[in-house]
C-alpha atoms as a PDB file:
ATOM      1  CA  UNK A   1     -23.462 152.132   7.754  1.00  0.00           C
ATOM      2  CA  UNK A   2     -24.921 155.856   8.257  1.00  0.00           C
ATOM      3  CA  UNK A   3     -27.806 155.255   5.940  1.00  0.00           C
ATOM      4  CA  UNK A   4     -28.907 151.669   7.040  1.00  0.00           C
ATOM      5  CA  UNK A   5     -28.166 153.525  10.854  1.00  0.00           C
ATOM      6  CA  UNK A   6     -31.017 156.168   9.807  1.00  0.00           C
ATOM      7  CA  UNK A   7     -33.175 154.132   8.367  1.00  0.00           C
ATOM      8  CA  UNK A   8     -33.071 151.811  11.464  1.00  0.00           C
ATOM      9  CA  UNK A   9     -34.080 154.767  13.549  1.00  0.00           C
ATOM     10  CA  UNK A  10     -36.837 155.972  11.342  1.00  0.00           C
ATOM     11  CA  UNK A  11     -38.098 152.524  11.496  1.00  0.00           C
ATOM     12  CA  UNK A  12     -37.850 152.138  15.444  1.00  0.00           C
ATOM     13  CA  UNK A  13     -39.462 155.888  15.246  1.00  0.00           C
ATOM     14  CA  UNK A  14     -42.315 154.645  13.255  1.00  0.00           C
ATOM     15  CA  UNK A  15     -42.774 151.295  15.060  1.00  0.00           C
ATOM     16  CA  UNK A  16     -42.729 153.385  18.532  1.00  0.00           C
ATOM     17  CA  UNK A  17     -45.701 155.682  16.847  1.00  0.00           C
ATOM     18  CA  UNK A  18     -47.976 152.486  15.629  1.00  0.00           C
ATOM     19  CA  UNK A  19     -47.401 151.106  18.980  1.00  0.00           C
ATOM     20  CA  UNK A  20     -48.549 154.515  20.680  1.00  0.00           C
ATOM     21  CA  UNK A  21     -51.692 154.369  18.246  1.00  0.00           C
ATOM     22  CA  UNK A  22     -52.474 150.908  18.952  1.00  0.00           C
ATOM     23  CA  UNK A  23     -52.107 151.213  22.655  1.00  0.00           C
ATOM     24  CA  UNK A  24     -54.318 154.340  22.793  1.00  0.00           C
ATOM     25  CA  UNK A  25     -57.195 152.772  20.298  1.00  0.00           C
ATOM     26  CA  UNK A  26     -57.304 149.669  23.121  1.00  0.00           C
ATOM     27  CA  UNK A  27     -57.967 152.194  25.655  1.00  0.00           C
ATOM     28  CA  UNK A  28     -60.280 153.978  24.177  1.00  0.00           C
ATOM     29  CA  UNK A  29     -62.116 150.877  23.125  1.00  0.00           C
ATOM     30  CA  UNK A  30     -61.833 149.411  26.803  1.00  0.00           C
ATOM     31  CA  UNK A  31     -63.098 153.007  28.581  1.00  0.00           C
ATOM     32  CA  UNK A  32     -66.306 152.693  25.942  1.00  0.00           C
ATOM     33  CA  UNK A  33     -67.102 148.899  26.860  1.00  0.00           C
ATOM     34  CA  UNK A  34     -66.956 149.524  30.272  1.00  0.00           C
ATOM     35  CA  UNK A  35     -69.117 152.646  29.704  1.00  0.00           C
ATOM     36  CA  UNK A  36     -71.581 149.983  27.842  1.00  0.00           C
ATOM     37  CA  UNK A  37     -71.360 147.767  31.000  1.00  0.00           C
ATOM     38  CA  UNK A  38     -71.847 150.335  33.530  1.00  0.00           C
ATOM     39  CA  UNK A  39     -74.595 151.783  31.601  1.00  0.00           C
ATOM     40  CA  UNK A  40     -76.177 148.022  31.427  1.00  0.00           C
ATOM     41  CA  UNK A  41     -75.573 147.976  35.332  1.00  0.00           C
ATOM     42  CA  UNK A  42     -77.796 151.405  36.037  1.00  0.00           C
ATOM     43  CA  UNK A  43     -79.983 149.611  34.144  1.00  0.00           C
ATOM     44  CA  UNK A  44     -80.090 146.335  36.164  1.00  0.00           C
ATOM     45  CA  UNK A  45     -80.156 148.225  39.529  1.00  0.00           C
ATOM     46  CA  UNK A  46     -83.529 150.520  38.277  1.00  0.00           C
ATOM     47  CA  UNK A  47     -85.072 147.289  37.537  1.00  0.00           C
ATOM     48  CA  UNK A  48     -84.244 145.960  40.660  1.00  0.00           C
ATOM     49  CA  UNK A  49     -85.284 149.231  42.504  1.00  0.00           C
ATOM     50  CA  UNK A  50     -88.592 148.695  40.370  1.00  0.00           C
ATOM     51  CA  UNK A  51     -88.757 145.328  41.758  1.00  0.00           C
ATOM     52  CA  UNK A  52     -88.067 146.110  45.114  1.00  0.00           C
ATOM     53  CA  UNK A  53     -90.964 148.703  45.169  1.00  0.00           C
ATOM     54  CA  UNK A  54     -93.478 145.942  43.428  1.00  0.00           C
ATOM     55  CA  UNK A  55     -92.704 143.484  46.156  1.00  0.00           C
ATOM     56  CA  UNK A  56     -93.267 145.996  48.660  1.00  0.00           C
ATOM     57  CA  UNK A  57     -96.989 146.610  47.601  1.00  0.00           C
ATOM     58  CA  UNK A  58     -97.339 142.964  47.078  1.00  0.00           C
ATOM     59  CA  UNK A  59     -95.917 142.943  51.045  1.00  0.00           C
ATOM     60  CA  UNK A  60     -98.475 145.594  52.022  1.00  0.00           C
ATOM     61  CA  UNK A  61    -101.742 144.477  50.499  1.00  0.00           C
ATOM     62  CA  UNK A  62    -101.005 141.117  51.407  1.00  0.00           C
ATOM     63  CA  UNK A  63    -100.825 142.536  55.506  1.00  0.00           C
ATOM     64  CA  UNK A  64    -103.884 144.439  54.502  1.00  0.00           C
ATOM     65  CA  UNK A  65    -105.968 141.314  53.816  1.00  0.00           C
ATOM     66  CA  UNK A  66    -104.238 139.357  56.570  1.00  0.00           C
ATOM     67  CA  UNK A  67    -105.208 141.875  58.670  1.00  0.00           C
ATOM     68  CA  UNK A  68    -109.003 142.410  57.271  1.00  0.00           C
ATOM     69  CA  UNK A  69    -109.425 138.262  57.624  1.00  0.00           C
ATOM     70  CA  UNK A  70    -108.330 139.094  61.256  1.00  0.00           C
ATOM     71  CA  UNK A  71    -110.585 141.549  62.267  1.00  0.00           C
ATOM     72  CA  UNK A  72    -113.634 139.216  60.878  1.00  0.00           C
ATOM     73  CA  UNK A  73    -112.216 136.093  63.015  1.00  0.00           C
ATOM     74  CA  UNK A  74    -111.702 138.786  66.001  1.00  0.00           C
ATOM     75  CA  UNK A  75    -115.642 140.088  65.377  1.00  0.00           C
ATOM     76  CA  UNK A  76    -116.851 136.654  65.187  1.00  0.00           C
ATOM     77  CA  UNK A  77    -115.260 135.225  68.000  1.00  0.00           C
ATOM     78  CA  UNK A  78    -116.079 138.329  69.941  1.00  0.00           C
ATOM     79  CA  UNK A  79    -119.875 138.359  68.754  1.00  0.00           C
ATOM     80  CA  UNK A  80    -120.172 134.362  69.421  1.00  0.00           C
ATOM     81  CA  UNK A  81    -118.751 134.928  73.331  1.00  0.00           C
ATOM     82  CA  UNK A  82    -121.518 137.386  73.544  1.00  0.00           C
ATOM     83  CA  UNK A  83    -119.231 140.254  73.132  1.00  0.00           C
ATOM     84  CA  UNK A  84    -121.202 143.681  72.086  1.00  0.00           C
ATOM     85  CA  UNK A  85    -119.175 144.687  68.980  1.00  0.00           C
ATOM     86  CA  UNK A  86    -119.889 148.491  69.429  1.00  0.00           C
ATOM     87  CA  UNK A  87    -118.258 148.046  73.471  1.00  0.00           C
ATOM     88  CA  UNK A  88    -115.019 149.618  74.328  1.00  0.00           C
ATOM     89  CA  UNK A  89    -113.523 146.104  74.769  1.00  0.00           C
ATOM     90  CA  UNK A  90    -114.478 145.085  71.508  1.00  0.00           C
ATOM     91  CA  UNK A  91    -113.075 148.590  69.492  1.00  0.00           C
ATOM     92  CA  UNK A  92    -110.000 148.655  71.375  1.00  0.00           C
ATOM     93  CA  UNK A  93    -109.184 144.967  70.159  1.00  0.00           C
ATOM     94  CA  UNK A  94    -110.355 145.883  66.679  1.00  0.00           C
ATOM     95  CA  UNK A  95    -108.638 149.275  66.673  1.00  0.00           C
ATOM     96  CA  UNK A  96    -105.220 147.451  67.945  1.00  0.00           C
ATOM     97  CA  UNK A  97    -105.636 145.336  65.307  1.00  0.00           C
ATOM     98  CA  UNK A  98    -106.030 147.932  62.783  1.00  0.00           C
ATOM     99  CA  UNK A  99    -102.787 149.999  64.066  1.00  0.00           C
ATOM    100  CA  UNK A 100    -101.075 147.109  64.207  1.00  0.00           C
ATOM    101  CA  UNK A 101    -101.707 146.341  60.757  1.00  0.00           C
ATOM    102  CA  UNK A 102    -101.312 149.728  59.716  1.00  0.00           C
ATOM    103  CA  UNK A 103     -97.487 149.665  61.315  1.00  0.00           C
ATOM    104  CA  UNK A 104     -96.763 146.135  59.326  1.00  0.00           C
ATOM    105  CA  UNK A 105     -97.987 147.523  56.517  1.00  0.00           C
ATOM    106  CA  UNK A 106     -95.453 151.025  56.594  1.00  0.00           C
ATOM    107  CA  UNK A 107     -92.428 149.127  57.724  1.00  0.00           C
ATOM    108  CA  UNK A 108     -93.007 147.030  54.417  1.00  0.00           C
ATOM    109  CA  UNK A 109     -93.376 150.213  52.427  1.00  0.00           C
ATOM    110  CA  UNK A 110     -90.670 151.753  54.108  1.00  0.00           C
ATOM    111  CA  UNK A 111     -88.202 148.855  53.967  1.00  0.00           C
ATOM    112  CA  UNK A 112     -89.061 148.468  49.885  1.00  0.00           C
ATOM    113  CA  UNK A 113     -88.734 152.263  49.248  1.00  0.00           C
ATOM    114  CA  UNK A 114     -85.127 151.937  50.956  1.00  0.00           C
ATOM    115  CA  UNK A 115     -84.209 148.855  49.371  1.00  0.00           C
ATOM    116  CA  UNK A 116     -85.372 150.574  46.220  1.00  0.00           C
ATOM    117  CA  UNK A 117     -83.188 154.092  46.890  1.00  0.00           C
ATOM    118  CA  UNK A 118     -80.062 151.482  47.347  1.00  0.00           C
ATOM    119  CA  UNK A 119     -80.366 150.306  44.028  1.00  0.00           C
ATOM    120  CA  UNK A 120     -80.998 153.884  42.555  1.00  0.00           C
ATOM    121  CA  UNK A 121     -78.061 155.521  44.351  1.00  0.00           C
ATOM    122  CA  UNK A 122     -76.235 152.225  43.200  1.00  0.00           C
ATOM    123  CA  UNK A 123     -77.726 152.855  39.720  1.00  0.00           C
ATOM    124  CA  UNK A 124     -76.537 156.601  39.542  1.00  0.00           C
ATOM    125  CA  UNK A 125     -73.166 155.508  40.945  1.00  0.00           C
ATOM    126  CA  UNK A 126     -73.231 152.882  37.473  1.00  0.00           C
ATOM    127  CA  UNK A 127     -74.183 155.915  35.495  1.00  0.00           C
ATOM    128  CA  UNK A 128     -71.243 158.576  36.796  1.00  0.00           C
ATOM    129  CA  UNK A 129     -69.130 155.756  35.916  1.00  0.00           C
ATOM    130  CA  UNK A 130     -69.949 155.207  32.985  1.00  0.00           C
ATOM    131  CA  UNK A 131     -70.274 158.886  32.121  1.00  0.00           C
ATOM    132  CA  UNK A 132     -66.639 159.031  33.482  1.00  0.00           C
ATOM    133  CA  UNK A 133     -64.963 156.290  31.273  1.00  0.00           C
ATOM    134  CA  UNK A 134     -66.849 157.947  28.043  1.00  0.00           C
ATOM    135  CA  UNK A 135     -65.261 161.481  28.950  1.00  0.00           C
ATOM    136  CA  UNK A 136     -61.880 159.816  29.415  1.00  0.00           C
ATOM    137  CA  UNK A 137     -62.439 157.768  26.057  1.00  0.00           C
ATOM    138  CA  UNK A 138     -63.562 161.162  24.037  1.00  0.00           C
ATOM    139  CA  UNK A 139     -59.975 162.590  25.862  1.00  0.00           C
ATOM    140  CA  UNK A 140     -58.047 159.695  23.621  1.00  0.00           C
ATOM    141  CA  UNK A 141     -56.794 160.647  20.280  1.00  0.00           C
ATOM    142  CA  UNK A 142     -55.355 157.474  18.248  1.00  0.00           C
ATOM    143  CA  UNK A 143     -53.880 159.600  15.906  1.00  0.00           C
ATOM    144  CA  UNK A 144     -52.298 162.131  18.111  1.00  0.00           C
ATOM    145  CA  UNK A 145     -50.847 159.514  20.225  1.00  0.00           C
ATOM    146  CA  UNK A 146     -49.113 158.429  16.768  1.00  0.00           C
ATOM    147  CA  UNK A 147     -47.837 161.946  15.938  1.00  0.00           C
ATOM    148  CA  UNK A 148     -46.761 162.768  19.020  1.00  0.00           C
ATOM    149  CA  UNK A 149     -44.952 159.333  19.205  1.00  0.00           C
ATOM    150  CA  UNK A 150     -43.339 160.080  16.502  1.00  0.00           C
ATOM    151  CA  UNK A 151     -42.525 163.671  17.001  1.00  0.00           C
ATOM    152  CA  UNK A 152     -40.482 162.505  19.907  1.00  0.00           C
ATOM    153  CA  UNK A 153     -38.939 159.507  18.140  1.00  0.00           C
ATOM    154  CA  UNK A 154     -37.902 161.383  15.419  1.00  0.00           C
ATOM    155  CA  UNK A 155     -36.375 164.602  17.499  1.00  0.00           C
ATOM    156  CA  UNK A 156     -34.543 161.364  19.220  1.00  0.00           C
ATOM    157  CA  UNK A 157     -33.082 159.722  16.289  1.00  0.00           C
ATOM    158  CA  UNK A 158     -32.263 163.128  14.605  1.00  0.00           C
ATOM    159  CA  UNK A 159     -30.247 164.261  17.761  1.00  0.00           C
ATOM    160  CA  UNK A 160     -28.527 160.650  17.972  1.00  0.00           C
ATOM    161  CA  UNK A 161     -27.912 160.934  14.386  1.00  0.00           C
ATOM    162  CA  UNK A 162     -26.469 164.364  14.687  1.00  0.00           C
ATOM    163  CA  UNK A 163     -24.249 163.108  17.972  1.00  0.00           C
ATOM    164  CA  UNK A 164     -23.185 160.135  15.786  1.00  0.00           C
ATOM    165  CA  UNK A 165     -21.842 162.540  12.573  1.00  0.00           C
ATOM    166  CA  UNK A 166     -20.427 164.181  15.129  1.00  0.00           C
ATOM    167  CA  UNK A 167     -18.270 161.691  16.474  1.00  0.00           C
ATOM    168  CA  UNK A 168     -17.552 160.556  12.921  1.00  0.00           C
ATOM    169  CA  UNK A 169     -19.257 157.387  13.139  1.00  0.00           C
ATOM    170  CA  UNK A 170     -20.304 157.766   9.387  1.00  0.00           C
ATOM    171  CA  UNK A 171     -17.149 158.778   8.479  1.00  0.00           C
END
């Protein structure tokens, strides 16, 4: 009975050690996979930021185009009504159109920059998560988990063997 109990304890220690190694392997792979996904999400956030900036530039250009069209229509209407385009009234109308167009263009640009900033902040968060996951993955050593578990289990098995032997279980 003594030898079979020792073999069973040894087999249990090995099984536990292989389980610890497998668990460590799984944790490491999961963290590396998470880091990969976080890198991908960071790249997507940067693409979204670039898209927001491009969209803002297009909106800004559209505002300038509409402002130019509006000023052209205003000039035509003023001239058709016999108003001198150099008069203070005409200049006030055209200047107001310029100012309002500039305000709208600046608002579109600021909104695009703000949206891009949000995407880039999100991307930085993903990058930081990836760095952390990689750091945690590199700290996991499946072979060390195996050895530590085997050492712990072997020590426990030796203790149990000693106590059983001392109690006369193997006599």
